[in-house]
N, C-alpha and C. Protein backbone atom coordinates (compact mmCIF):
# COMPACT_ATOMS: atom_id res chain seq x y z
N MET A 1 0.84 -1.19 0.00
CA MET A 1 0.00 0.00 0.00
C MET A 1 0.88 1.24 0.00
N LEU A 2 0.44 2.26 -0.64
CA LEU A 2 1.13 3.53 -0.69
C LEU A 2 0.14 4.58 -0.23
N GLY A 3 0.35 5.11 0.95
CA GLY A 3 -0.61 6.06 1.49
C GLY A 3 -1.94 5.38 1.68
N LYS A 4 -3.00 5.95 1.16
CA LYS A 4 -4.33 5.38 1.30
C LYS A 4 -4.80 4.69 0.04
N ARG A 5 -3.95 4.65 -0.99
CA ARG A 5 -4.34 4.02 -2.25
C ARG A 5 -3.49 2.80 -2.49
N CYS A 6 -4.01 1.86 -3.20
CA CYS A 6 -3.27 0.66 -3.56
C CYS A 6 -2.15 1.04 -4.53
N CYS A 7 -1.02 0.36 -4.43
CA CYS A 7 0.10 0.67 -5.32
C CYS A 7 -0.28 0.49 -6.79
N CYS A 8 -1.29 -0.31 -7.05
CA CYS A 8 -1.73 -0.54 -8.42
C CYS A 8 -2.41 0.69 -9.00
N GLY A 9 -2.87 1.62 -8.14
CA GLY A 9 -3.56 2.82 -8.59
C GLY A 9 -2.62 3.94 -8.99
N GLY A 10 -1.32 3.78 -8.78
CA GLY A 10 -0.37 4.77 -9.25
C GLY A 10 0.05 5.79 -8.22
N GLY A 11 -0.12 5.54 -6.96
CA GLY A 11 0.36 6.47 -5.94
C GLY A 11 -0.71 7.44 -5.49
N ARG A 12 -0.28 8.40 -4.73
CA ARG A 12 -1.18 9.39 -4.15
C ARG A 12 -1.43 10.52 -5.15
N LYS A 13 -2.64 10.91 -5.33
CA LYS A 13 -3.00 11.97 -6.27
C LYS A 13 -2.77 13.33 -5.62
N ASP A 14 -2.15 14.24 -6.36
CA ASP A 14 -1.91 15.59 -5.87
C ASP A 14 -2.08 16.55 -7.04
N ASN A 15 -3.26 17.12 -7.18
CA ASN A 15 -3.56 17.99 -8.31
C ASN A 15 -2.89 19.36 -8.22
N LYS A 16 -2.43 19.74 -7.02
CA LYS A 16 -1.85 21.07 -6.84
C LYS A 16 -0.33 21.08 -6.88
N ARG A 17 0.29 19.95 -7.19
CA ARG A 17 1.74 19.84 -7.18
C ARG A 17 2.33 20.63 -8.35
N LYS A 18 3.26 21.50 -8.04
CA LYS A 18 3.95 22.28 -9.06
C LYS A 18 5.41 22.36 -8.71
N PRO A 19 6.33 22.23 -9.62
CA PRO A 19 6.04 21.89 -11.01
C PRO A 19 5.63 20.42 -11.12
N MET A 20 4.91 20.13 -12.16
CA MET A 20 4.44 18.75 -12.35
C MET A 20 5.64 17.85 -12.67
N VAL A 21 5.51 16.60 -12.38
CA VAL A 21 6.57 15.63 -12.67
C VAL A 21 6.44 15.20 -14.12
N ARG A 22 7.57 15.19 -14.83
CA ARG A 22 7.55 14.76 -16.22
C ARG A 22 7.24 13.29 -16.32
N ASP A 23 6.67 12.88 -17.45
CA ASP A 23 6.35 11.47 -17.64
C ASP A 23 7.48 10.72 -18.35
N TRP A 24 8.68 11.32 -18.36
CA TRP A 24 9.86 10.68 -18.93
C TRP A 24 11.07 11.18 -18.17
N ILE A 25 12.17 10.47 -18.28
CA ILE A 25 13.42 10.89 -17.64
C ILE A 25 14.59 10.55 -18.55
N SER A 26 15.59 11.38 -18.51
CA SER A 26 16.83 11.14 -19.24
C SER A 26 17.97 11.30 -18.23
N CYS A 27 18.68 10.21 -17.98
CA CYS A 27 19.80 10.27 -17.04
C CYS A 27 20.83 9.23 -17.42
N ALA A 28 22.01 9.37 -16.84
CA ALA A 28 23.08 8.41 -17.10
C ALA A 28 22.70 7.05 -16.54
N ARG A 29 23.12 6.00 -17.20
CA ARG A 29 22.83 4.65 -16.70
C ARG A 29 23.72 4.33 -15.50
N ALA A 30 23.27 3.40 -14.71
CA ALA A 30 24.03 2.98 -13.54
C ALA A 30 25.24 2.16 -14.01
N MET A 31 26.38 2.47 -13.49
CA MET A 31 27.60 1.76 -13.86
C MET A 31 28.19 1.07 -12.64
N ARG A 32 28.67 -0.14 -12.82
CA ARG A 32 29.38 -0.89 -11.79
C ARG A 32 28.59 -1.03 -10.49
N LYS A 33 27.32 -1.36 -10.62
CA LYS A 33 26.48 -1.59 -9.45
C LYS A 33 26.50 -3.06 -9.04
N GLY A 34 27.08 -3.92 -9.87
CA GLY A 34 27.19 -5.33 -9.54
C GLY A 34 26.02 -6.18 -9.99
N LEU A 35 25.06 -5.56 -10.70
CA LEU A 35 23.88 -6.29 -11.12
C LEU A 35 23.36 -5.71 -12.43
N VAL A 36 23.15 -6.55 -13.43
CA VAL A 36 22.61 -6.09 -14.70
C VAL A 36 21.19 -5.57 -14.47
N GLY A 37 20.89 -4.42 -15.01
CA GLY A 37 19.55 -3.85 -14.87
C GLY A 37 19.39 -2.92 -13.69
N ALA A 38 20.45 -2.68 -12.93
CA ALA A 38 20.38 -1.77 -11.79
C ALA A 38 20.04 -0.37 -12.28
N LYS A 39 19.19 0.31 -11.56
CA LYS A 39 18.75 1.66 -11.95
C LYS A 39 19.56 2.71 -11.20
N PRO A 40 19.85 3.85 -11.86
CA PRO A 40 20.59 4.93 -11.19
C PRO A 40 19.71 5.65 -10.16
N LEU A 41 20.36 6.35 -9.25
CA LEU A 41 19.66 7.08 -8.20
C LEU A 41 18.64 8.05 -8.80
N ALA A 42 19.00 8.75 -9.87
CA ALA A 42 18.08 9.72 -10.48
C ALA A 42 16.79 9.05 -10.94
N PHE A 43 16.87 7.84 -11.47
CA PHE A 43 15.69 7.11 -11.91
C PHE A 43 14.80 6.77 -10.73
N ASN A 44 15.40 6.26 -9.65
CA ASN A 44 14.62 5.89 -8.47
C ASN A 44 13.95 7.11 -7.83
N LEU A 45 14.64 8.24 -7.80
CA LEU A 45 14.04 9.47 -7.26
C LEU A 45 12.87 9.92 -8.13
N TRP A 46 13.00 9.76 -9.45
CA TRP A 46 11.93 10.11 -10.37
C TRP A 46 10.69 9.24 -10.12
N ILE A 47 10.91 7.94 -9.90
CA ILE A 47 9.80 7.04 -9.59
C ILE A 47 9.09 7.50 -8.32
N LEU A 48 9.86 7.86 -7.30
CA LEU A 48 9.25 8.33 -6.05
C LEU A 48 8.44 9.61 -6.28
N ASP A 49 8.94 10.49 -7.14
CA ASP A 49 8.19 11.72 -7.47
C ASP A 49 6.90 11.39 -8.22
N LEU A 50 6.96 10.44 -9.14
CA LEU A 50 5.76 10.05 -9.88
C LEU A 50 4.68 9.52 -8.95
N LEU A 51 5.11 8.77 -7.93
CA LEU A 51 4.17 8.20 -6.97
C LEU A 51 3.76 9.18 -5.88
N ASN A 52 4.39 10.37 -5.88
CA ASN A 52 4.17 11.37 -4.82
C ASN A 52 4.45 10.74 -3.46
N TYR A 53 5.55 10.01 -3.39
CA TYR A 53 5.97 9.35 -2.16
C TYR A 53 6.25 10.39 -1.09
N GLN A 54 5.69 10.19 0.09
CA GLN A 54 5.91 11.09 1.22
C GLN A 54 6.40 10.29 2.41
N GLU A 55 7.12 10.96 3.30
CA GLU A 55 7.65 10.29 4.49
C GLU A 55 6.51 9.60 5.24
N GLY A 56 6.74 8.38 5.63
CA GLY A 56 5.72 7.60 6.31
C GLY A 56 5.01 6.61 5.39
N ASP A 57 5.10 6.83 4.06
CA ASP A 57 4.53 5.87 3.11
C ASP A 57 5.39 4.61 3.11
N THR A 58 4.81 3.52 2.68
CA THR A 58 5.58 2.30 2.53
C THR A 58 5.65 1.94 1.05
N LEU A 59 6.77 1.37 0.67
CA LEU A 59 6.96 0.96 -0.71
C LEU A 59 7.66 -0.39 -0.68
N ASP A 60 7.07 -1.38 -1.29
CA ASP A 60 7.65 -2.71 -1.34
C ASP A 60 8.51 -2.83 -2.59
N ASP A 61 9.81 -2.92 -2.41
CA ASP A 61 10.74 -3.07 -3.52
C ASP A 61 10.77 -4.56 -3.89
N LEU A 62 10.16 -4.90 -5.00
CA LEU A 62 10.07 -6.30 -5.40
C LEU A 62 11.38 -6.87 -5.90
N PHE A 63 12.29 -5.99 -6.33
CA PHE A 63 13.59 -6.43 -6.84
C PHE A 63 14.69 -5.60 -6.15
N PRO A 64 14.99 -5.90 -4.88
CA PRO A 64 15.91 -5.07 -4.10
C PRO A 64 17.40 -5.35 -4.35
N GLY A 65 17.76 -6.01 -5.42
CA GLY A 65 19.13 -6.45 -5.69
C GLY A 65 20.24 -5.52 -5.25
N THR A 66 20.23 -4.26 -5.65
CA THR A 66 21.31 -3.34 -5.29
C THR A 66 20.89 -2.38 -4.18
N ASN A 67 19.68 -2.52 -3.68
CA ASN A 67 19.16 -1.66 -2.62
C ASN A 67 19.01 -0.21 -3.08
N GLY A 68 18.86 -0.01 -4.39
CA GLY A 68 18.79 1.33 -4.96
C GLY A 68 17.58 2.14 -4.51
N MET A 69 16.41 1.52 -4.41
CA MET A 69 15.22 2.26 -4.01
C MET A 69 15.31 2.68 -2.55
N ALA A 70 15.83 1.81 -1.70
CA ALA A 70 16.01 2.16 -0.28
C ALA A 70 16.97 3.33 -0.14
N GLU A 71 18.03 3.35 -0.95
CA GLU A 71 18.98 4.47 -0.94
C GLU A 71 18.32 5.75 -1.41
N ALA A 72 17.46 5.64 -2.41
CA ALA A 72 16.75 6.82 -2.91
C ALA A 72 15.82 7.38 -1.84
N ILE A 73 15.11 6.52 -1.14
CA ILE A 73 14.21 6.97 -0.09
C ILE A 73 15.01 7.63 1.04
N ALA A 74 16.15 7.04 1.40
CA ALA A 74 16.98 7.61 2.47
C ALA A 74 17.61 8.94 2.07
N SER A 75 17.82 9.16 0.78
CA SER A 75 18.48 10.39 0.33
C SER A 75 17.53 11.57 0.14
N ARG A 76 16.23 11.30 0.22
CA ARG A 76 15.25 12.38 0.03
C ARG A 76 15.28 13.32 1.23
N PRO A 77 15.09 14.61 0.96
CA PRO A 77 15.08 15.59 2.08
C PRO A 77 13.91 15.44 2.99
């Protein structure tokens, strides 16, 4: 669950958020993470922005191989 909505619903809705989050991202690929398919920090932060992740929300990382999403959550202000 993410906030009060199911994760399948796309996160918490926030119509007043500005600037809006883009529906695409361009960033450098992750290098030397030890796992093929590892995502860079910028990508994981973008995902959290898309979901409007807020402190106290829970997020189940289904593929925690490099612990990238946990690092992204910990690095947020």
